[in-house]
């Protein structure tokens, strides 16, 4: 039996969702997981992203962050299968842009994940 997504443990289950609403739930869950800092905000010590201040601006940051995003999404969002994460690029506002490809409802989908290298803030949206 598949595990319930993180946010669904706290949300009501009495209403039906459309496929798009369900993808919105997946995005909301991934964003909540990735904005949790490891060791804070959850009873599991290894939940969320680690601290990257010591690796700020280095190739090691990008490699470690890419793999950690992939593993956190795969572990804590069971509705998205075959997760692959790749760095798309960065911008002048110090945001790293990632493509997150996976299978949702038996269809391929792509999410855009952006990570602010100074604050650690993460935003997730559907890449259309």
N, C-alpha and C. Protein backbone atom coordinates (compact mmCIF):
# COMPACT_ATOMS: atom_id res chain seq x y z
N UNK A 1 0.84 -1.19 0.00
CA UNK A 1 0.00 0.00 0.00
C UNK A 1 0.88 1.24 0.00
N UNK A 2 0.58 2.21 -0.85
CA UNK A 2 1.38 3.43 -0.96
C UNK A 2 1.16 4.32 0.25
N UNK A 3 2.23 5.03 0.61
CA UNK A 3 2.14 5.98 1.72
C UNK A 3 1.36 7.20 1.29
N UNK A 4 0.67 7.81 2.24
CA UNK A 4 -0.06 9.04 1.96
C UNK A 4 0.93 10.18 1.84
N UNK A 5 0.73 11.10 0.88
CA UNK A 5 1.59 12.27 0.77
C UNK A 5 1.56 13.06 2.08
N UNK A 6 2.66 13.75 2.36
CA UNK A 6 2.84 14.45 3.63
C UNK A 6 1.67 15.35 4.00
N UNK A 7 1.26 16.27 3.14
CA UNK A 7 0.20 17.22 3.49
C UNK A 7 -1.16 16.56 3.60
N UNK A 8 -1.37 15.44 2.89
CA UNK A 8 -2.66 14.76 2.97
C UNK A 8 -2.93 14.18 4.35
N UNK A 9 -1.89 13.99 5.14
CA UNK A 9 -2.08 13.48 6.49
C UNK A 9 -2.82 14.50 7.36
N UNK A 10 -2.75 15.76 6.99
CA UNK A 10 -3.36 16.83 7.77
C UNK A 10 -4.60 17.42 7.12
N UNK A 11 -4.81 17.14 5.86
CA UNK A 11 -5.94 17.71 5.12
C UNK A 11 -7.15 16.78 5.21
N UNK A 12 -8.33 17.35 5.02
CA UNK A 12 -9.55 16.54 4.98
C UNK A 12 -9.59 15.72 3.71
N UNK A 13 -10.21 14.55 3.79
CA UNK A 13 -10.27 13.66 2.63
C UNK A 13 -11.70 13.51 2.12
N UNK A 14 -12.62 14.40 2.53
CA UNK A 14 -14.02 14.23 2.21
C UNK A 14 -14.45 14.78 0.86
N UNK A 15 -13.55 15.39 0.10
CA UNK A 15 -13.97 15.96 -1.18
C UNK A 15 -13.13 15.38 -2.31
N UNK A 16 -13.75 15.34 -3.50
CA UNK A 16 -13.09 14.79 -4.66
C UNK A 16 -12.28 15.89 -5.36
N UNK A 17 -11.22 15.48 -6.00
CA UNK A 17 -10.36 16.43 -6.70
C UNK A 17 -10.29 16.05 -8.18
N UNK A 18 -10.19 17.04 -9.04
CA UNK A 18 -9.94 16.76 -10.44
C UNK A 18 -8.47 16.42 -10.60
N UNK A 19 -8.10 15.95 -11.79
CA UNK A 19 -6.70 15.61 -12.05
C UNK A 19 -5.82 16.83 -11.85
N UNK A 20 -6.24 17.99 -12.33
CA UNK A 20 -5.44 19.21 -12.18
C UNK A 20 -5.32 19.58 -10.71
N UNK A 21 -6.41 19.46 -9.95
CA UNK A 21 -6.33 19.73 -8.51
C UNK A 21 -5.36 18.76 -7.85
N UNK A 22 -5.36 17.53 -8.29
CA UNK A 22 -4.45 16.55 -7.72
C UNK A 22 -3.00 16.92 -8.01
N UNK A 23 -2.72 17.39 -9.23
CA UNK A 23 -1.38 17.84 -9.54
C UNK A 23 -1.03 19.06 -8.70
N UNK A 24 -2.00 19.92 -8.46
CA UNK A 24 -1.78 21.07 -7.59
C UNK A 24 -1.42 20.60 -6.18
N UNK A 25 -2.07 19.52 -5.72
CA UNK A 25 -1.74 18.95 -4.42
C UNK A 25 -0.33 18.39 -4.40
N UNK A 26 0.07 17.73 -5.47
CA UNK A 26 1.43 17.20 -5.58
C UNK A 26 2.44 18.34 -5.50
N UNK A 27 2.18 19.41 -6.23
CA UNK A 27 3.08 20.57 -6.23
C UNK A 27 3.15 21.19 -4.84
N UNK A 28 2.01 21.34 -4.20
CA UNK A 28 1.96 21.91 -2.85
C UNK A 28 2.75 21.03 -1.87
N UNK A 29 2.60 19.73 -1.97
CA UNK A 29 3.31 18.81 -1.09
C UNK A 29 4.82 18.89 -1.31
N UNK A 30 5.24 18.87 -2.57
CA UNK A 30 6.67 18.94 -2.87
C UNK A 30 7.26 20.25 -2.34
N UNK A 31 6.55 21.35 -2.54
CA UNK A 31 7.03 22.64 -2.06
C UNK A 31 7.17 22.64 -0.53
N UNK A 32 6.21 22.05 0.17
CA UNK A 32 6.27 21.99 1.64
C UNK A 32 7.46 21.14 2.08
N UNK A 33 7.67 20.01 1.44
CA UNK A 33 8.79 19.14 1.80
C UNK A 33 10.11 19.85 1.56
N UNK A 34 10.27 20.48 0.40
CA UNK A 34 11.55 21.09 0.05
C UNK A 34 11.82 22.39 0.81
N UNK A 35 10.79 23.02 1.35
CA UNK A 35 10.99 24.22 2.15
C UNK A 35 11.23 23.90 3.63
N UNK A 36 11.12 22.64 4.00
CA UNK A 36 11.46 22.23 5.37
C UNK A 36 12.96 22.00 5.42
N UNK A 37 13.60 22.59 6.39
CA UNK A 37 15.04 22.42 6.54
C UNK A 37 15.30 21.21 7.42
N UNK A 38 16.24 20.39 7.01
CA UNK A 38 16.57 19.16 7.73
C UNK A 38 16.86 19.47 9.19
N UNK A 39 16.20 18.70 10.07
CA UNK A 39 16.39 18.87 11.50
C UNK A 39 15.42 19.85 12.15
N UNK A 40 14.59 20.53 11.34
CA UNK A 40 13.64 21.52 11.87
C UNK A 40 12.26 21.24 11.29
N UNK A 41 11.23 21.48 12.07
CA UNK A 41 9.87 21.49 11.55
C UNK A 41 9.22 20.15 11.31
N UNK A 42 9.87 19.04 11.67
CA UNK A 42 9.24 17.74 11.46
C UNK A 42 9.89 16.76 12.42
N UNK A 43 9.18 15.74 12.83
CA UNK A 43 9.70 14.82 13.82
C UNK A 43 10.78 13.88 13.27
N UNK A 44 10.86 13.74 11.95
CA UNK A 44 11.89 12.90 11.35
C UNK A 44 13.14 13.75 11.13
N UNK A 45 14.27 13.32 11.65
CA UNK A 45 15.49 14.10 11.58
C UNK A 45 15.97 14.31 10.14
N UNK A 46 15.76 13.33 9.26
CA UNK A 46 16.29 13.43 7.89
C UNK A 46 15.26 13.94 6.89
N UNK A 47 14.22 14.62 7.35
CA UNK A 47 13.17 15.14 6.48
C UNK A 47 13.57 16.53 6.00
N UNK A 48 13.39 16.81 4.72
CA UNK A 48 13.66 18.14 4.18
C UNK A 48 15.08 18.26 3.63
N UNK A 49 15.39 19.47 3.16
CA UNK A 49 16.69 19.73 2.56
C UNK A 49 17.70 20.11 3.63
N UNK A 50 18.95 19.77 3.38
CA UNK A 50 20.03 20.10 4.30
C UNK A 50 20.47 21.55 4.15
N UNK A 51 21.43 21.94 4.95
CA UNK A 51 21.98 23.29 4.88
C UNK A 51 23.11 23.33 3.86
N UNK A 52 23.15 24.38 3.08
CA UNK A 52 24.15 24.47 2.02
C UNK A 52 25.01 25.71 2.13
N UNK A 53 25.01 26.37 3.28
CA UNK A 53 25.77 27.62 3.39
C UNK A 53 27.27 27.40 3.23
N UNK A 54 27.78 26.25 3.68
CA UNK A 54 29.22 26.02 3.55
C UNK A 54 29.63 25.72 2.11
N UNK A 55 28.68 25.37 1.26
CA UNK A 55 28.97 25.03 -0.13
C UNK A 55 28.46 26.11 -1.09
N UNK A 56 28.05 27.25 -0.55
CA UNK A 56 27.41 28.30 -1.35
C UNK A 56 28.25 28.66 -2.58
N UNK A 57 27.61 28.61 -3.73
CA UNK A 57 28.25 29.02 -4.97
C UNK A 57 29.22 28.02 -5.56
N UNK A 58 29.21 26.80 -5.12
CA UNK A 58 30.16 25.81 -5.63
C UNK A 58 29.45 24.75 -6.45
N UNK A 59 30.25 24.04 -7.21
CA UNK A 59 29.73 22.92 -8.00
C UNK A 59 29.17 21.84 -7.08
N UNK A 60 29.79 21.66 -5.89
CA UNK A 60 29.31 20.67 -4.93
C UNK A 60 27.89 20.98 -4.48
N UNK A 61 27.57 22.27 -4.34
CA UNK A 61 26.21 22.67 -3.97
C UNK A 61 25.21 22.13 -4.99
N UNK A 62 25.48 22.39 -6.25
CA UNK A 62 24.55 22.00 -7.31
C UNK A 62 24.40 20.48 -7.37
N UNK A 63 25.50 19.76 -7.30
CA UNK A 63 25.44 18.30 -7.37
C UNK A 63 24.70 17.72 -6.17
N UNK A 64 25.02 18.19 -4.97
CA UNK A 64 24.37 17.68 -3.77
C UNK A 64 22.89 18.06 -3.75
N UNK A 65 22.59 19.28 -4.10
CA UNK A 65 21.21 19.76 -4.09
C UNK A 65 20.36 19.03 -5.12
N UNK A 66 20.89 18.80 -6.31
CA UNK A 66 20.15 18.08 -7.35
C UNK A 66 19.76 16.69 -6.87
N UNK A 67 20.70 15.97 -6.31
CA UNK A 67 20.41 14.61 -5.83
C UNK A 67 19.47 14.64 -4.63
N UNK A 68 19.64 15.61 -3.75
CA UNK A 68 18.78 15.67 -2.57
C UNK A 68 17.35 16.02 -2.96
N UNK A 69 17.16 16.93 -3.89
CA UNK A 69 15.81 17.26 -4.36
C UNK A 69 15.16 16.01 -4.95
N UNK A 70 15.91 15.30 -5.79
CA UNK A 70 15.36 14.09 -6.42
C UNK A 70 14.95 13.07 -5.36
N UNK A 71 15.82 12.82 -4.39
CA UNK A 71 15.50 11.80 -3.40
C UNK A 71 14.36 12.22 -2.47
N UNK A 72 14.29 13.49 -2.10
CA UNK A 72 13.20 13.96 -1.24
C UNK A 72 11.86 13.88 -1.96
N UNK A 73 11.83 14.26 -3.24
CA UNK A 73 10.58 14.17 -4.01
C UNK A 73 10.17 12.71 -4.16
N UNK A 74 11.11 11.85 -4.52
CA UNK A 74 10.79 10.43 -4.70
C UNK A 74 10.31 9.80 -3.39
N UNK A 75 10.90 10.19 -2.27
CA UNK A 75 10.55 9.58 -1.00
C UNK A 75 9.24 10.10 -0.43
N UNK A 76 8.97 11.38 -0.56
CA UNK A 76 7.84 11.99 0.14
C UNK A 76 6.66 12.36 -0.77
N UNK A 77 6.75 12.06 -2.06
CA UNK A 77 5.61 12.29 -2.96
C UNK A 77 5.40 11.06 -3.81
N UNK A 78 4.69 10.05 -3.26
CA UNK A 78 4.51 8.79 -3.97
C UNK A 78 3.63 8.88 -5.21
N UNK A 79 2.88 9.96 -5.38
CA UNK A 79 2.03 10.09 -6.57
C UNK A 79 2.83 10.44 -7.81
N UNK A 80 4.08 10.85 -7.64
CA UNK A 80 4.95 11.18 -8.77
C UNK A 80 6.02 10.10 -8.87
N UNK A 81 5.96 9.33 -9.95
CA UNK A 81 6.88 8.22 -10.13
C UNK A 81 8.00 8.55 -11.10
N UNK A 82 9.04 7.72 -11.11
CA UNK A 82 10.19 7.85 -12.02
C UNK A 82 10.75 9.28 -12.02
N UNK A 83 11.04 9.79 -10.85
CA UNK A 83 11.48 11.18 -10.69
C UNK A 83 12.91 11.36 -11.18
N UNK A 84 13.11 12.37 -12.02
CA UNK A 84 14.43 12.78 -12.49
C UNK A 84 14.53 14.28 -12.31
N UNK A 85 15.66 14.75 -11.78
CA UNK A 85 15.87 16.18 -11.56
C UNK A 85 17.16 16.58 -12.25
N UNK A 86 17.09 17.67 -13.02
CA UNK A 86 18.27 18.20 -13.72
C UNK A 86 18.31 19.70 -13.55
N UNK A 87 19.52 20.23 -13.41
CA UNK A 87 19.69 21.68 -13.35
C UNK A 87 19.42 22.26 -14.73
N UNK A 88 18.55 23.25 -14.78
CA UNK A 88 18.24 23.93 -16.03
C UNK A 88 19.13 25.15 -16.20
N UNK A 89 19.45 25.83 -15.10
CA UNK A 89 20.30 27.01 -15.16
C UNK A 89 20.14 27.85 -13.91
N UNK A 90 20.67 29.04 -13.97
CA UNK A 90 20.55 29.98 -12.85
C UNK A 90 20.28 31.36 -13.41
N UNK A 91 19.84 32.25 -12.54
CA UNK A 91 19.57 33.61 -13.00
C UNK A 91 20.31 34.62 -12.13
N UNK A 92 20.20 35.89 -12.50
CA UNK A 92 20.93 36.95 -11.80
C UNK A 92 20.37 37.21 -10.41
N UNK A 93 19.19 36.68 -10.09
CA UNK A 93 18.59 36.85 -8.77
C UNK A 93 19.02 35.77 -7.79
N UNK A 94 20.07 34.99 -8.16
CA UNK A 94 20.62 33.93 -7.31
C UNK A 94 19.69 32.74 -7.13
N UNK A 95 18.81 32.50 -8.10
CA UNK A 95 17.93 31.33 -8.10
C UNK A 95 18.53 30.26 -9.01
N UNK A 96 18.54 29.01 -8.54
CA UNK A 96 18.87 27.86 -9.38
C UNK A 96 17.56 27.29 -9.89
N UNK A 97 17.50 26.98 -11.20
CA UNK A 97 16.29 26.46 -11.83
C UNK A 97 16.51 24.99 -12.18
N UNK A 98 15.58 24.13 -11.72
CA UNK A 98 15.66 22.70 -11.97
C UNK A 98 14.42 22.24 -12.72
N UNK A 99 14.60 21.24 -13.60
CA UNK A 99 13.49 20.52 -14.19
C UNK A 99 13.31 19.24 -13.38
N UNK A 100 12.06 18.98 -13.02
CA UNK A 100 11.73 17.74 -12.30
C UNK A 100 10.74 16.98 -13.18
N UNK A 101 11.21 15.91 -13.81
CA UNK A 101 10.36 15.10 -14.67
C UNK A 101 9.90 13.87 -13.92
N UNK A 102 8.67 13.47 -14.18
CA UNK A 102 8.13 12.27 -13.54
C UNK A 102 6.86 11.81 -14.22
N UNK A 103 6.25 10.80 -13.65
CA UNK A 103 5.00 10.26 -14.16
C UNK A 103 3.93 10.50 -13.11
N UNK A 104 2.87 11.20 -13.51
CA UNK A 104 1.74 11.47 -12.64
C UNK A 104 0.47 11.02 -13.36
N UNK A 105 -0.32 10.20 -12.71
CA UNK A 105 -1.56 9.69 -13.33
C UNK A 105 -1.28 9.05 -14.68
N UNK A 106 -0.20 8.27 -14.75
CA UNK A 106 0.20 7.54 -15.94
C UNK A 106 0.58 8.43 -17.11
N UNK A 107 0.87 9.70 -16.86
CA UNK A 107 1.30 10.62 -17.92
C UNK A 107 2.57 11.33 -17.47
N UNK A 108 3.47 11.58 -18.43
CA UNK A 108 4.69 12.32 -18.13
C UNK A 108 4.33 13.76 -17.78
N UNK A 109 5.00 14.30 -16.81
CA UNK A 109 4.80 15.71 -16.49
C UNK A 109 6.14 16.31 -16.09
N UNK A 110 6.23 17.62 -16.20
CA UNK A 110 7.45 18.33 -15.83
C UNK A 110 7.08 19.46 -14.88
N UNK A 111 7.82 19.52 -13.79
CA UNK A 111 7.68 20.59 -12.83
C UNK A 111 8.93 21.45 -12.87
N UNK A 112 8.78 22.72 -12.59
CA UNK A 112 9.91 23.63 -12.45
C UNK A 112 10.12 23.85 -10.97
N UNK A 113 11.33 23.60 -10.49
CA UNK A 113 11.69 23.83 -9.10
C UNK A 113 12.78 24.89 -9.09
N UNK A 114 12.57 25.95 -8.30
CA UNK A 114 13.59 26.99 -8.17
C UNK A 114 14.03 27.08 -6.71
N UNK A 115 15.33 27.22 -6.53
CA UNK A 115 15.96 27.24 -5.21
C UNK A 115 16.78 28.52 -5.08
N UNK A 116 16.49 29.32 -4.06
CA UNK A 116 17.25 30.55 -3.84
C UNK A 116 18.50 30.20 -3.05
N UNK A 117 19.66 30.49 -3.62
CA UNK A 117 20.92 30.05 -3.04
C UNK A 117 21.30 30.79 -1.76
N UNK A 118 20.67 31.91 -1.47
CA UNK A 118 20.97 32.65 -0.25
C UNK A 118 20.02 32.27 0.88
N UNK A 119 18.71 32.27 0.59
CA UNK A 119 17.71 32.02 1.64
C UNK A 119 17.32 30.55 1.77
N UNK A 120 17.55 29.76 0.72
CA UNK A 120 17.12 28.35 0.73
C UNK A 120 15.65 28.17 0.40
N UNK A 121 14.95 29.25 0.05
CA UNK A 121 13.54 29.16 -0.30
C UNK A 121 13.38 28.35 -1.59
N UNK A 122 12.32 27.54 -1.64
CA UNK A 122 12.03 26.71 -2.79
C UNK A 122 10.63 27.04 -3.29
N UNK A 123 10.49 27.17 -4.62
CA UNK A 123 9.19 27.31 -5.24
C UNK A 123 9.04 26.23 -6.30
N UNK A 124 7.81 25.71 -6.42
CA UNK A 124 7.54 24.63 -7.37
C UNK A 124 6.32 25.03 -8.18
N UNK A 125 6.37 24.78 -9.48
CA UNK A 125 5.21 25.04 -10.35
C UNK A 125 5.26 24.09 -11.54
N UNK A 126 4.10 23.92 -12.14
CA UNK A 126 4.02 23.10 -13.34
C UNK A 126 4.72 23.82 -14.48
N UNK A 127 5.54 23.11 -15.23
CA UNK A 127 6.24 23.70 -16.38
C UNK A 127 5.38 23.47 -17.61
N UNK A 128 4.77 24.53 -18.10
CA UNK A 128 3.87 24.42 -19.25
C UNK A 128 4.48 24.93 -20.51
